[in-house]
Amino acid sequence: MKTPEHPIFLESLKYIRSQIGLTGLNCLEQSVLERIIHSSGDLSMQSYLRFSSNSCEGAIDALKKGAIILTDTFMAEAAVSPVAKRTLNSKVKCILEMAPNVIDSSSITRSSIGMQKMWLDIEKNEEFLVGPVVLIGSAPSALMTLLDLIKKGTKKPSLIIGMPVGFIGVSQCKTRLLNSDLAHIVLEGSRGGASVAAATVNALLRASDY
C-alpha cells in the first residue's frame, strides 16, 4: 500500500513546482528532481540533473524484480532503508561493510576497496540475477572503481546514481559515467551528497509502490 505523504511535504512540493515551472521531464524524472530539490533546498538543481534514456523506468523494473540497492556510505543506507522496507522490501547494502578499517596506502581509498570486494561478491551469487541499483553520493573513487570493473567485463548495474559531492576526482568520474552506455542519473559539477542521492532512490522506490 502506498504510504501517504506528509502535508508539509506536499506543501513544499507545491512551492517547488511554482518556482521551477515547466521542466520538460517525464513524470518519473520530475519526481526525482522535486525530491532532490526538497532534500537539498536548492532550486538550481534542475540545471545540473541528467538522465540517460529510460533510466528511471529501467530502475523501477529492476527494483520490482528484486534488485538490491548498493550505497557508498552508511548515511545513505540509513536514509534509503526505511523507504525500501515500506515499499518493495528491497535489500540495501553499503560497500563499507567490506572495506578494511585501516589501509596502508594513500593511493587507494576504503570506498574503492569496499566497492571492488562487494561488487565481485554480489556478482558470484543469486543477488546479481538483476543488476543492483548503485547509489554514489560521497565517494568518487568508488564510482571510478565500479566503472573500471564494468570495463573489465563484470556485469552491469541496472542504474548508477552518480552524485558524489566535492572537487577532487568528482568531475572526472561523473563525466566518465555520462559518456558511458550505462543507465545513469547524474548531478553534474561539484554538487551531490548522500542526502540527494538517497532522495533519488527514494523517489524511485515510492514510484514503484503505486
N, C-alpha and C. Protein backbone atom coordinates (compact mmCIF):
# COMPACT_ATOMS: atom_id res chain seq x y z
N MET A 1 0.84 -1.19 0.00
CA MET A 1 0.00 0.00 0.00
C MET A 1 0.88 1.25 0.00
N LYS A 2 0.51 2.20 -0.82
CA LYS A 2 1.30 3.41 -0.93
C LYS A 2 1.18 4.23 0.37
N THR A 3 2.32 4.65 0.90
CA THR A 3 2.35 5.46 2.11
C THR A 3 1.99 6.91 1.79
N PRO A 4 0.99 7.48 2.46
CA PRO A 4 0.63 8.87 2.17
C PRO A 4 1.73 9.85 2.54
N GLU A 5 1.84 10.91 1.77
CA GLU A 5 2.86 11.93 2.04
C GLU A 5 2.39 12.87 3.14
N HIS A 6 3.35 13.41 3.88
CA HIS A 6 3.03 14.35 4.96
C HIS A 6 2.54 15.67 4.34
N PRO A 7 1.54 16.32 4.95
CA PRO A 7 1.02 17.58 4.40
C PRO A 7 2.08 18.66 4.21
N ILE A 8 3.07 18.72 5.10
CA ILE A 8 4.12 19.73 4.95
C ILE A 8 4.95 19.44 3.70
N PHE A 9 5.22 18.15 3.44
CA PHE A 9 5.96 17.78 2.24
C PHE A 9 5.16 18.15 1.00
N LEU A 10 3.88 17.88 1.01
CA LEU A 10 3.04 18.22 -0.14
C LEU A 10 3.01 19.73 -0.37
N GLU A 11 3.01 20.50 0.70
CA GLU A 11 3.06 21.95 0.56
C GLU A 11 4.40 22.39 -0.02
N SER A 12 5.46 21.70 0.39
CA SER A 12 6.79 22.00 -0.16
C SER A 12 6.84 21.71 -1.66
N LEU A 13 6.24 20.59 -2.07
CA LEU A 13 6.21 20.25 -3.49
C LEU A 13 5.44 21.30 -4.29
N LYS A 14 4.36 21.76 -3.73
CA LYS A 14 3.58 22.80 -4.39
C LYS A 14 4.42 24.05 -4.63
N TYR A 15 5.20 24.41 -3.61
CA TYR A 15 6.07 25.59 -3.74
C TYR A 15 7.16 25.34 -4.77
N ILE A 16 7.80 24.17 -4.71
CA ILE A 16 8.86 23.84 -5.66
C ILE A 16 8.34 23.94 -7.09
N ARG A 17 7.17 23.37 -7.34
CA ARG A 17 6.60 23.38 -8.69
C ARG A 17 6.30 24.80 -9.15
N SER A 18 5.90 25.64 -8.22
CA SER A 18 5.60 27.03 -8.59
C SER A 18 6.86 27.79 -8.98
N GLN A 19 8.01 27.32 -8.47
CA GLN A 19 9.27 28.01 -8.72
C GLN A 19 10.00 27.50 -9.96
N ILE A 20 9.92 26.19 -10.24
CA ILE A 20 10.71 25.64 -11.34
C ILE A 20 9.95 25.65 -12.67
N GLY A 21 8.62 25.75 -12.61
CA GLY A 21 7.84 25.82 -13.85
C GLY A 21 7.95 24.55 -14.67
N LEU A 22 7.77 24.69 -15.99
CA LEU A 22 7.85 23.55 -16.90
C LEU A 22 9.30 23.10 -17.05
N THR A 23 9.53 21.82 -16.91
CA THR A 23 10.90 21.30 -16.96
C THR A 23 11.18 20.46 -18.20
N GLY A 24 10.14 19.94 -18.83
CA GLY A 24 10.35 19.06 -19.97
C GLY A 24 10.67 17.63 -19.57
N LEU A 25 10.68 17.34 -18.28
CA LEU A 25 10.95 15.99 -17.79
C LEU A 25 9.68 15.16 -17.78
N ASN A 26 9.83 13.84 -17.86
CA ASN A 26 8.65 12.99 -17.71
C ASN A 26 8.28 12.89 -16.23
N CYS A 27 7.20 12.18 -15.93
CA CYS A 27 6.68 12.17 -14.56
C CYS A 27 7.67 11.60 -13.56
N LEU A 28 8.36 10.52 -13.93
CA LEU A 28 9.32 9.91 -13.01
C LEU A 28 10.53 10.82 -12.80
N GLU A 29 11.05 11.38 -13.87
CA GLU A 29 12.19 12.29 -13.76
C GLU A 29 11.81 13.53 -12.95
N GLN A 30 10.59 14.02 -13.16
CA GLN A 30 10.12 15.17 -12.40
C GLN A 30 10.07 14.86 -10.90
N SER A 31 9.61 13.67 -10.57
CA SER A 31 9.55 13.26 -9.17
C SER A 31 10.93 13.23 -8.54
N VAL A 32 11.92 12.71 -9.28
CA VAL A 32 13.30 12.69 -8.79
C VAL A 32 13.79 14.12 -8.56
N LEU A 33 13.59 14.98 -9.55
CA LEU A 33 14.02 16.37 -9.43
C LEU A 33 13.40 17.04 -8.21
N GLU A 34 12.11 16.88 -8.02
CA GLU A 34 11.43 17.54 -6.90
C GLU A 34 11.96 17.08 -5.56
N ARG A 35 12.24 15.80 -5.44
CA ARG A 35 12.75 15.29 -4.17
C ARG A 35 14.20 15.70 -3.93
N ILE A 36 14.98 15.82 -4.99
CA ILE A 36 16.34 16.32 -4.84
C ILE A 36 16.32 17.78 -4.39
N ILE A 37 15.46 18.58 -4.99
CA ILE A 37 15.34 19.98 -4.58
C ILE A 37 14.87 20.07 -3.13
N HIS A 38 13.89 19.25 -2.79
CA HIS A 38 13.37 19.27 -1.42
C HIS A 38 14.46 18.86 -0.43
N SER A 39 15.25 17.87 -0.79
CA SER A 39 16.30 17.38 0.10
C SER A 39 17.43 18.38 0.26
N SER A 40 17.75 19.09 -0.82
CA SER A 40 18.90 20.00 -0.81
C SER A 40 18.53 21.44 -0.50
N GLY A 41 17.26 21.82 -0.73
CA GLY A 41 16.85 23.21 -0.58
C GLY A 41 17.42 24.09 -1.69
N ASP A 42 17.79 23.46 -2.81
CA ASP A 42 18.47 24.18 -3.89
C ASP A 42 17.68 24.07 -5.19
N LEU A 43 17.00 25.15 -5.55
CA LEU A 43 16.18 25.15 -6.77
C LEU A 43 17.02 25.07 -8.04
N SER A 44 18.30 25.35 -7.95
CA SER A 44 19.15 25.31 -9.14
C SER A 44 19.51 23.89 -9.56
N MET A 45 19.16 22.89 -8.76
CA MET A 45 19.50 21.51 -9.08
C MET A 45 18.98 21.10 -10.47
N GLN A 46 17.91 21.72 -10.89
CA GLN A 46 17.34 21.41 -12.20
C GLN A 46 18.38 21.57 -13.32
N SER A 47 19.28 22.52 -13.17
CA SER A 47 20.25 22.81 -14.23
C SER A 47 21.35 21.76 -14.33
N TYR A 48 21.51 20.93 -13.29
CA TYR A 48 22.63 20.00 -13.24
C TYR A 48 22.23 18.53 -13.36
N LEU A 49 20.93 18.26 -13.32
CA LEU A 49 20.45 16.88 -13.27
C LEU A 49 20.35 16.30 -14.68
N ARG A 50 20.96 15.12 -14.87
CA ARG A 50 20.97 14.46 -16.17
C ARG A 50 20.50 13.01 -16.04
N PHE A 51 19.63 12.62 -16.97
CA PHE A 51 19.11 11.26 -17.01
C PHE A 51 19.49 10.59 -18.33
N SER A 52 19.93 9.35 -18.27
CA SER A 52 20.03 8.58 -19.51
C SER A 52 18.63 8.12 -19.90
N SER A 53 18.47 7.70 -21.13
CA SER A 53 17.15 7.33 -21.63
C SER A 53 16.55 6.18 -20.82
N ASN A 54 15.32 6.37 -20.36
CA ASN A 54 14.56 5.34 -19.62
C ASN A 54 15.27 4.86 -18.35
N SER A 55 16.11 5.70 -17.78
CA SER A 55 16.85 5.29 -16.58
C SER A 55 15.91 5.02 -15.41
N CYS A 56 14.93 5.86 -15.22
CA CYS A 56 14.01 5.68 -14.09
C CYS A 56 13.13 4.45 -14.29
N GLU A 57 12.61 4.30 -15.50
CA GLU A 57 11.74 3.15 -15.80
C GLU A 57 12.49 1.84 -15.63
N GLY A 58 13.73 1.79 -16.13
CA GLY A 58 14.52 0.57 -16.01
C GLY A 58 14.85 0.24 -14.57
N ALA A 59 15.15 1.26 -13.78
CA ALA A 59 15.48 1.03 -12.37
C ALA A 59 14.28 0.52 -11.59
N ILE A 60 13.11 1.09 -11.85
CA ILE A 60 11.91 0.64 -11.16
C ILE A 60 11.58 -0.81 -11.51
N ASP A 61 11.73 -1.15 -12.79
CA ASP A 61 11.51 -2.54 -13.21
C ASP A 61 12.48 -3.47 -12.50
N ALA A 62 13.75 -3.05 -12.39
CA ALA A 62 14.74 -3.88 -11.71
C ALA A 62 14.42 -4.03 -10.23
N LEU A 63 14.02 -2.94 -9.58
CA LEU A 63 13.68 -2.99 -8.16
C LEU A 63 12.49 -3.92 -7.92
N LYS A 64 11.52 -3.88 -8.80
CA LYS A 64 10.36 -4.77 -8.67
C LYS A 64 10.74 -6.23 -8.84
N LYS A 65 11.83 -6.47 -9.57
CA LYS A 65 12.31 -7.84 -9.79
C LYS A 65 13.29 -8.29 -8.72
N GLY A 66 13.53 -7.44 -7.73
CA GLY A 66 14.36 -7.84 -6.61
C GLY A 66 15.77 -7.30 -6.59
N ALA A 67 16.07 -6.30 -7.42
CA ALA A 67 17.41 -5.72 -7.41
C ALA A 67 17.74 -5.16 -6.04
N ILE A 68 18.98 -5.38 -5.59
CA ILE A 68 19.41 -4.78 -4.34
C ILE A 68 19.85 -3.34 -4.60
N ILE A 69 19.90 -2.57 -3.54
CA ILE A 69 20.37 -1.19 -3.60
C ILE A 69 21.72 -1.14 -2.90
N LEU A 70 22.72 -0.65 -3.61
CA LEU A 70 24.08 -0.60 -3.09
C LEU A 70 24.48 0.84 -2.87
N THR A 71 24.86 1.19 -1.64
CA THR A 71 25.23 2.57 -1.30
C THR A 71 26.72 2.67 -0.98
N ASP A 72 27.23 3.89 -1.06
CA ASP A 72 28.65 4.09 -0.77
C ASP A 72 28.91 4.58 0.65
N THR A 73 27.86 4.89 1.41
CA THR A 73 28.02 5.32 2.80
C THR A 73 26.92 4.73 3.67
N PHE A 74 27.21 4.59 4.95
CA PHE A 74 26.18 4.13 5.88
C PHE A 74 25.09 5.19 6.04
N MET A 75 25.43 6.45 5.85
CA MET A 75 24.43 7.52 5.94
C MET A 75 23.36 7.34 4.86
N ALA A 76 23.80 7.07 3.64
CA ALA A 76 22.85 6.84 2.55
C ALA A 76 22.04 5.58 2.80
N GLU A 77 22.71 4.54 3.30
CA GLU A 77 22.00 3.30 3.61
C GLU A 77 20.88 3.55 4.61
N ALA A 78 21.18 4.35 5.64
CA ALA A 78 20.18 4.67 6.66
C ALA A 78 19.03 5.48 6.10
N ALA A 79 19.31 6.34 5.12
CA ALA A 79 18.27 7.18 4.53
C ALA A 79 17.36 6.40 3.59
N VAL A 80 17.90 5.36 2.98
CA VAL A 80 17.13 4.60 1.99
C VAL A 80 16.38 3.42 2.62
N SER A 81 16.97 2.80 3.63
CA SER A 81 16.43 1.55 4.16
C SER A 81 14.97 1.63 4.62
N PRO A 82 14.54 2.67 5.34
CA PRO A 82 13.13 2.70 5.76
C PRO A 82 12.15 2.74 4.59
N VAL A 83 12.47 3.51 3.56
CA VAL A 83 11.59 3.58 2.39
C VAL A 83 11.62 2.26 1.63
N ALA A 84 12.81 1.66 1.51
CA ALA A 84 12.94 0.37 0.83
C ALA A 84 12.08 -0.69 1.53
N LYS A 85 12.08 -0.67 2.85
CA LYS A 85 11.31 -1.65 3.61
C LYS A 85 9.81 -1.41 3.46
N ARG A 86 9.38 -0.16 3.45
CA ARG A 86 7.95 0.15 3.37
C ARG A 86 7.38 -0.11 1.98
N THR A 87 8.21 -0.06 0.97
CA THR A 87 7.70 -0.18 -0.41
C THR A 87 7.88 -1.59 -0.96
N LEU A 88 9.06 -1.89 -1.48
CA LEU A 88 9.29 -3.18 -2.13
C LEU A 88 10.06 -4.16 -1.25
N ASN A 89 10.40 -3.75 -0.03
CA ASN A 89 11.22 -4.57 0.86
C ASN A 89 12.56 -4.91 0.19
N SER A 90 13.10 -3.95 -0.53
CA SER A 90 14.38 -4.14 -1.22
C SER A 90 15.51 -4.25 -0.20
N LYS A 91 16.48 -5.09 -0.52
CA LYS A 91 17.66 -5.22 0.32
C LYS A 91 18.61 -4.05 0.04
N VAL A 92 19.15 -3.44 1.09
CA VAL A 92 20.07 -2.32 0.96
C VAL A 92 21.40 -2.69 1.61
N LYS A 93 22.49 -2.51 0.87
CA LYS A 93 23.82 -2.81 1.39
C LYS A 93 24.74 -1.62 1.19
N CYS A 94 25.72 -1.49 2.09
CA CYS A 94 26.74 -0.44 1.97
C CYS A 94 28.09 -1.08 1.67
N ILE A 95 28.80 -0.54 0.71
CA ILE A 95 30.09 -1.11 0.32
C ILE A 95 31.10 -1.07 1.45
N LEU A 96 30.93 -0.18 2.42
CA LEU A 96 31.88 -0.07 3.53
C LEU A 96 31.82 -1.28 4.46
N GLU A 97 30.77 -2.11 4.31
CA GLU A 97 30.71 -3.35 5.07
C GLU A 97 31.91 -4.24 4.76
N MET A 98 32.44 -4.11 3.54
CA MET A 98 33.53 -4.96 3.11
C MET A 98 34.85 -4.21 2.97
N ALA A 99 34.89 -2.99 3.49
CA ALA A 99 36.10 -2.19 3.43
C ALA A 99 36.94 -2.40 4.69
N PRO A 100 38.26 -2.38 4.57
CA PRO A 100 39.11 -2.50 5.76
C PRO A 100 39.01 -1.26 6.63
N ASN A 101 39.21 -1.42 7.90
CA ASN A 101 39.18 -0.28 8.81
C ASN A 101 40.37 0.64 8.61
N VAL A 102 41.49 0.06 8.23
CA VAL A 102 42.72 0.82 8.02
C VAL A 102 43.36 0.37 6.72
N ILE A 103 43.89 1.32 5.94
CA ILE A 103 44.63 0.98 4.72
C ILE A 103 46.04 1.55 4.81
N ASP A 104 46.95 0.89 4.11
CA ASP A 104 48.36 1.26 4.21
C ASP A 104 48.81 2.26 3.15
N SER A 105 47.95 2.50 2.15
CA SER A 105 48.37 3.30 1.01
C SER A 105 47.52 4.56 0.89
N SER A 106 48.15 5.64 0.43
CA SER A 106 47.40 6.87 0.18
C SER A 106 46.85 6.91 -1.24
N SER A 107 47.17 5.89 -2.04
CA SER A 107 46.76 5.88 -3.45
C SER A 107 45.44 5.15 -3.66
N ILE A 108 44.86 4.59 -2.59
CA ILE A 108 43.59 3.88 -2.70
C ILE A 108 42.74 4.23 -1.49
N THR A 109 41.44 4.15 -1.65
CA THR A 109 40.53 4.51 -0.56
C THR A 109 39.79 3.28 -0.04
N ARG A 110 39.26 3.40 1.15
CA ARG A 110 38.42 2.34 1.71
C ARG A 110 37.20 2.10 0.83
N SER A 111 36.66 3.18 0.28
CA SER A 111 35.47 3.05 -0.57
C SER A 111 35.78 2.26 -1.84
N SER A 112 36.97 2.50 -2.41
CA SER A 112 37.36 1.77 -3.61
C SER A 112 37.51 0.28 -3.32
N ILE A 113 38.17 -0.04 -2.22
CA ILE A 113 38.33 -1.44 -1.84
C ILE A 113 36.99 -2.09 -1.54
N GLY A 114 36.14 -1.35 -0.81
CA GLY A 114 34.82 -1.88 -0.48
C GLY A 114 33.98 -2.13 -1.71
N MET A 115 34.03 -1.23 -2.68
CA MET A 115 33.26 -1.41 -3.91
C MET A 115 33.73 -2.65 -4.66
N GLN A 116 35.03 -2.79 -4.81
CA GLN A 116 35.56 -3.93 -5.55
C GLN A 116 35.16 -5.24 -4.89
N LYS A 117 35.34 -5.33 -3.58
CA LYS A 117 35.01 -6.57 -2.88
C LYS A 117 33.51 -6.85 -2.92
N MET A 118 32.70 -5.82 -2.68
CA MET A 118 31.26 -6.01 -2.65
C MET A 118 30.73 -6.40 -4.02
N TRP A 119 31.21 -5.71 -5.07
CA TRP A 119 30.70 -5.96 -6.42
C TRP A 119 31.03 -7.37 -6.88
N LEU A 120 32.26 -7.80 -6.65
CA LEU A 120 32.65 -9.14 -7.07
C LEU A 120 31.94 -10.20 -6.24
N ASP A 121 31.67 -9.91 -4.96
CA ASP A 121 30.95 -10.84 -4.11
C ASP A 121 29.50 -10.98 -4.57
N ILE A 122 28.86 -9.85 -4.86
CA ILE A 122 27.47 -9.87 -5.32
C ILE A 122 27.37 -10.61 -6.65
N GLU A 123 28.35 -10.39 -7.51
CA GLU A 123 28.31 -10.99 -8.84
C GLU A 123 28.35 -12.51 -8.78
N LYS A 124 28.95 -13.06 -7.73
CA LYS A 124 29.10 -14.50 -7.62
C LYS A 124 27.81 -15.21 -7.24
N ASN A 125 26.86 -14.48 -6.67
CA ASN A 125 25.69 -15.17 -6.14
C ASN A 125 24.40 -14.72 -6.82
N GLU A 126 23.30 -15.23 -6.30
CA GLU A 126 22.00 -15.02 -6.94
C GLU A 126 21.53 -13.57 -6.88
N GLU A 127 22.16 -12.76 -6.08
CA GLU A 127 21.74 -11.36 -5.97
C GLU A 127 22.03 -10.58 -7.24
N PHE A 128 22.77 -11.17 -8.16
CA PHE A 128 23.07 -10.49 -9.41
C PHE A 128 22.19 -10.98 -10.56
N LEU A 129 21.12 -11.69 -10.24
CA LEU A 129 20.17 -12.06 -11.29
C LEU A 129 19.59 -10.80 -11.92
N VAL A 130 19.44 -9.77 -11.10
CA VAL A 130 19.05 -8.44 -11.58
C VAL A 130 20.14 -7.47 -11.12
N GLY A 131 20.65 -6.66 -12.04
CA GLY A 131 21.72 -5.73 -11.69
C GLY A 131 21.32 -4.79 -10.57
N PRO A 132 22.19 -4.57 -9.60
CA PRO A 132 21.87 -3.66 -8.49
C PRO A 132 21.64 -2.22 -8.95
N VAL A 133 20.92 -1.48 -8.13
CA VAL A 133 20.83 -0.03 -8.27
C VAL A 133 21.91 0.55 -7.36
N VAL A 134 22.85 1.26 -7.95
CA VAL A 134 24.03 1.74 -7.21
C VAL A 134 23.90 3.23 -6.94
N LEU A 135 24.11 3.60 -5.69
CA LEU A 135 23.99 4.98 -5.24
C LEU A 135 25.37 5.46 -4.79
N ILE A 136 25.90 6.48 -5.47
CA ILE A 136 27.17 7.07 -5.08
C ILE A 136 26.94 8.55 -4.76
N GLY A 137 27.04 8.90 -3.47
CA GLY A 137 26.81 10.28 -3.06
C GLY A 137 28.02 10.95 -2.44
N SER A 138 29.04 10.15 -2.15
CA SER A 138 30.18 10.72 -1.41
C SER A 138 31.55 10.30 -1.92
N ALA A 139 31.64 9.17 -2.62
CA ALA A 139 32.95 8.59 -2.91
C ALA A 139 33.20 8.46 -4.41
N PRO A 140 33.84 9.46 -5.02
CA PRO A 140 34.15 9.34 -6.45
C PRO A 140 35.05 8.16 -6.75
N SER A 141 35.91 7.77 -5.80
CA SER A 141 36.78 6.63 -6.03
C SER A 141 35.98 5.33 -6.17
N ALA A 142 34.88 5.24 -5.45
CA ALA A 142 34.03 4.05 -5.57
C ALA A 142 33.39 3.99 -6.95
N LEU A 143 32.98 5.14 -7.46
CA LEU A 143 32.39 5.17 -8.79
C LEU A 143 33.42 4.82 -9.85
N MET A 144 34.62 5.36 -9.74
CA MET A 144 35.69 5.04 -10.69
C MET A 144 36.01 3.54 -10.66
N THR A 145 36.06 2.97 -9.47
CA THR A 145 36.34 1.55 -9.34
C THR A 145 35.27 0.71 -10.01
N LEU A 146 34.01 1.09 -9.80
CA LEU A 146 32.91 0.36 -10.43
C LEU A 146 32.99 0.45 -11.95
N LEU A 147 33.26 1.63 -12.46
CA LEU A 147 33.37 1.80 -13.92
C LEU A 147 34.52 0.97 -14.46
N ASP A 148 35.61 0.89 -13.72
CA ASP A 148 36.75 0.07 -14.15
C ASP A 148 36.37 -1.41 -14.18
N LEU A 149 35.63 -1.86 -13.16
CA LEU A 149 35.21 -3.26 -13.11
C LEU A 149 34.31 -3.61 -14.28
N ILE A 150 33.39 -2.72 -14.59
CA ILE A 150 32.47 -2.95 -15.70
C ILE A 150 33.24 -2.99 -17.02
N LYS A 151 34.21 -2.10 -17.16
CA LYS A 151 35.03 -2.07 -18.37
C LYS A 151 35.78 -3.39 -18.55
N LYS A 152 36.15 -4.03 -17.44
CA LYS A 152 36.88 -5.29 -17.50
C LYS A 152 35.96 -6.48 -17.76
N GLY A 153 34.65 -6.25 -17.76
CA GLY A 153 33.73 -7.32 -18.14
C GLY A 153 32.80 -7.83 -17.07
N THR A 154 32.79 -7.22 -15.88
CA THR A 154 31.82 -7.65 -14.88
C THR A 154 30.42 -7.23 -15.33
N LYS A 155 29.43 -7.81 -14.71
CA LYS A 155 28.05 -7.49 -15.08
C LYS A 155 27.72 -6.03 -14.74
N LYS A 156 26.71 -5.52 -15.44
CA LYS A 156 26.36 -4.11 -15.29
C LYS A 156 25.25 -3.93 -14.25
N PRO A 157 25.23 -2.79 -13.58
CA PRO A 157 24.11 -2.46 -12.69
C PRO A 157 22.89 -2.06 -13.50
N SER A 158 21.74 -2.05 -12.86
CA SER A 158 20.52 -1.57 -13.51
C SER A 158 20.50 -0.06 -13.59
N LEU A 159 21.16 0.59 -12.66
CA LEU A 159 21.24 2.05 -12.64
C LEU A 159 22.40 2.48 -11.76
N ILE A 160 23.11 3.51 -12.19
CA ILE A 160 24.10 4.16 -11.33
C ILE A 160 23.63 5.59 -11.07
N ILE A 161 23.45 5.92 -9.81
CA ILE A 161 23.15 7.28 -9.40
C ILE A 161 24.47 7.93 -9.04
N GLY A 162 25.00 8.74 -9.94
CA GLY A 162 26.32 9.31 -9.77
C GLY A 162 26.25 10.73 -9.24
N MET A 163 26.30 10.87 -7.92
CA MET A 163 26.16 12.17 -7.29
C MET A 163 27.18 12.40 -6.19
N PRO A 164 28.45 11.98 -6.40
CA PRO A 164 29.45 12.29 -5.37
C PRO A 164 29.64 13.80 -5.26
N VAL A 165 29.81 14.28 -4.05
CA VAL A 165 29.95 15.70 -3.80
C VAL A 165 31.42 16.04 -3.63
N GLY A 166 31.82 17.23 -4.06
CA GLY A 166 33.18 17.67 -3.82
C GLY A 166 33.90 18.10 -5.08
N PHE A 167 35.23 18.07 -5.02
CA PHE A 167 36.03 18.65 -6.09
C PHE A 167 37.08 17.69 -6.65
N ILE A 168 37.74 16.91 -5.80
CA ILE A 168 38.83 16.06 -6.26
C ILE A 168 38.28 14.76 -6.83
N GLY A 169 38.46 14.59 -8.14
CA GLY A 169 38.02 13.37 -8.80
C GLY A 169 36.55 13.31 -9.12
N VAL A 170 35.78 14.29 -8.66
CA VAL A 170 34.32 14.25 -8.81
C VAL A 170 33.90 14.49 -10.26
N SER A 171 34.38 15.57 -10.85
CA SER A 171 34.00 15.88 -12.22
C SER A 171 34.43 14.78 -13.18
N GLN A 172 35.60 14.22 -12.95
CA GLN A 172 36.12 13.19 -13.84
C GLN A 172 35.24 11.94 -13.85
N CYS A 173 34.84 11.48 -12.68
CA CYS A 173 34.04 10.25 -12.64
C CYS A 173 32.63 10.49 -13.17
N LYS A 174 32.09 11.68 -12.92
CA LYS A 174 30.75 11.98 -13.45
C LYS A 174 30.79 12.07 -14.97
N THR A 175 31.81 12.70 -15.51
CA THR A 175 31.93 12.81 -16.97
C THR A 175 32.07 11.43 -17.60
N ARG A 176 32.86 10.59 -16.97
CA ARG A 176 33.04 9.24 -17.49
C ARG A 176 31.72 8.47 -17.50
N LEU A 177 30.95 8.62 -16.44
CA LEU A 177 29.64 7.95 -16.38
C LEU A 177 28.70 8.51 -17.43
N LEU A 178 28.66 9.83 -17.57
CA LEU A 178 27.79 10.46 -18.56
C LEU A 178 28.13 10.02 -19.98
N ASN A 179 29.38 9.74 -20.24
CA ASN A 179 29.82 9.35 -21.58
C ASN A 179 29.74 7.85 -21.82
N SER A 180 29.28 7.10 -20.83
CA SER A 180 29.17 5.65 -20.96
C SER A 180 27.78 5.27 -21.49
N ASP A 181 27.62 3.97 -21.75
CA ASP A 181 26.32 3.47 -22.18
C ASP A 181 25.53 2.90 -21.00
N LEU A 182 25.97 3.19 -19.78
CA LEU A 182 25.30 2.68 -18.59
C LEU A 182 24.11 3.55 -18.22
N ALA A 183 23.06 2.91 -17.70
CA ALA A 183 21.91 3.67 -17.21
C ALA A 183 22.35 4.52 -16.03
N HIS A 184 22.02 5.81 -16.08
CA HIS A 184 22.52 6.70 -15.03
C HIS A 184 21.58 7.87 -14.75
N ILE A 185 21.72 8.37 -13.54
CA ILE A 185 21.17 9.67 -13.15
C ILE A 185 22.33 10.40 -12.49
N VAL A 186 22.68 11.57 -13.01
CA VAL A 186 23.89 12.26 -12.58
C VAL A 186 23.59 13.71 -12.26
N LEU A 187 24.24 14.21 -11.20
CA LEU A 187 24.27 15.64 -10.92
C LEU A 187 25.63 16.15 -11.39
N GLU A 188 25.65 16.95 -12.43
CA GLU A 188 26.90 17.46 -12.94
C GLU A 188 27.55 18.44 -11.95
N GLY A 189 28.85 18.66 -12.12
CA GLY A 189 29.56 19.61 -11.29
C GLY A 189 29.91 19.04 -9.93
N SER A 190 30.11 19.93 -8.97
CA SER A 190 30.56 19.52 -7.64
C SER A 190 29.43 19.17 -6.69
N ARG A 191 28.19 19.42 -7.09
CA ARG A 191 27.05 19.17 -6.21
C ARG A 191 26.80 17.67 -6.06
N GLY A 192 26.18 17.32 -4.94
CA GLY A 192 25.83 15.93 -4.69
C GLY A 192 25.72 15.68 -3.21
N GLY A 193 25.98 14.46 -2.79
CA GLY A 193 25.92 14.11 -1.39
C GLY A 193 24.97 12.97 -1.11
N ALA A 194 25.10 12.40 0.08
CA ALA A 194 24.29 11.25 0.46
C ALA A 194 22.80 11.57 0.44
N SER A 195 22.45 12.78 0.88
CA SER A 195 21.02 13.10 1.01
C SER A 195 20.33 13.18 -0.35
N VAL A 196 20.98 13.80 -1.34
CA VAL A 196 20.33 13.92 -2.65
C VAL A 196 20.35 12.60 -3.40
N ALA A 197 21.42 11.82 -3.23
CA ALA A 197 21.47 10.51 -3.86
C ALA A 197 20.40 9.60 -3.27
N ALA A 198 20.24 9.65 -1.95
CA ALA A 198 19.21 8.86 -1.29
C ALA A 198 17.82 9.33 -1.70
N ALA A 199 17.64 10.63 -1.85
CA ALA A 199 16.35 11.16 -2.29
C ALA A 199 15.98 10.62 -3.67
N THR A 200 16.98 10.44 -4.52
CA THR A 200 16.75 9.90 -5.86
C THR A 200 16.22 8.47 -5.78
N VAL A 201 16.91 7.63 -5.01
CA VAL A 201 16.46 6.25 -4.85
C VAL A 201 15.07 6.20 -4.22
N ASN A 202 14.85 7.02 -3.22
CA ASN A 202 13.56 7.00 -2.54
C ASN A 202 12.42 7.43 -3.46
N ALA A 203 12.70 8.36 -4.38
CA ALA A 203 11.69 8.75 -5.35
C ALA A 203 11.32 7.56 -6.24
N LEU A 204 12.31 6.79 -6.64
CA LEU A 204 12.05 5.61 -7.49
C LEU A 204 11.32 4.53 -6.71
N LEU A 205 11.69 4.33 -5.47
CA LEU A 205 11.00 3.34 -4.65
C LEU A 205 9.54 3.70 -4.44
N ARG A 206 9.28 4.97 -4.16
CA ARG A 206 7.89 5.40 -3.98
C ARG A 206 7.09 5.26 -5.26
N ALA A 207 7.72 5.58 -6.39
CA ALA A 207 7.03 5.44 -7.68
C ALA A 207 6.70 3.98 -7.97
N SER A 208 7.55 3.08 -7.51
CA SER A 208 7.33 1.65 -7.77
C SER A 208 6.22 1.08 -6.89
N ASP A 209 5.79 1.85 -5.92
CA ASP A 209 4.82 1.38 -4.93
C ASP A 209 3.39 1.71 -5.32
N TYR A 210 3.19 2.26 -6.52
CA TYR A 210 1.83 2.60 -6.97
C TYR A 210 1.06 1.32 -7.30
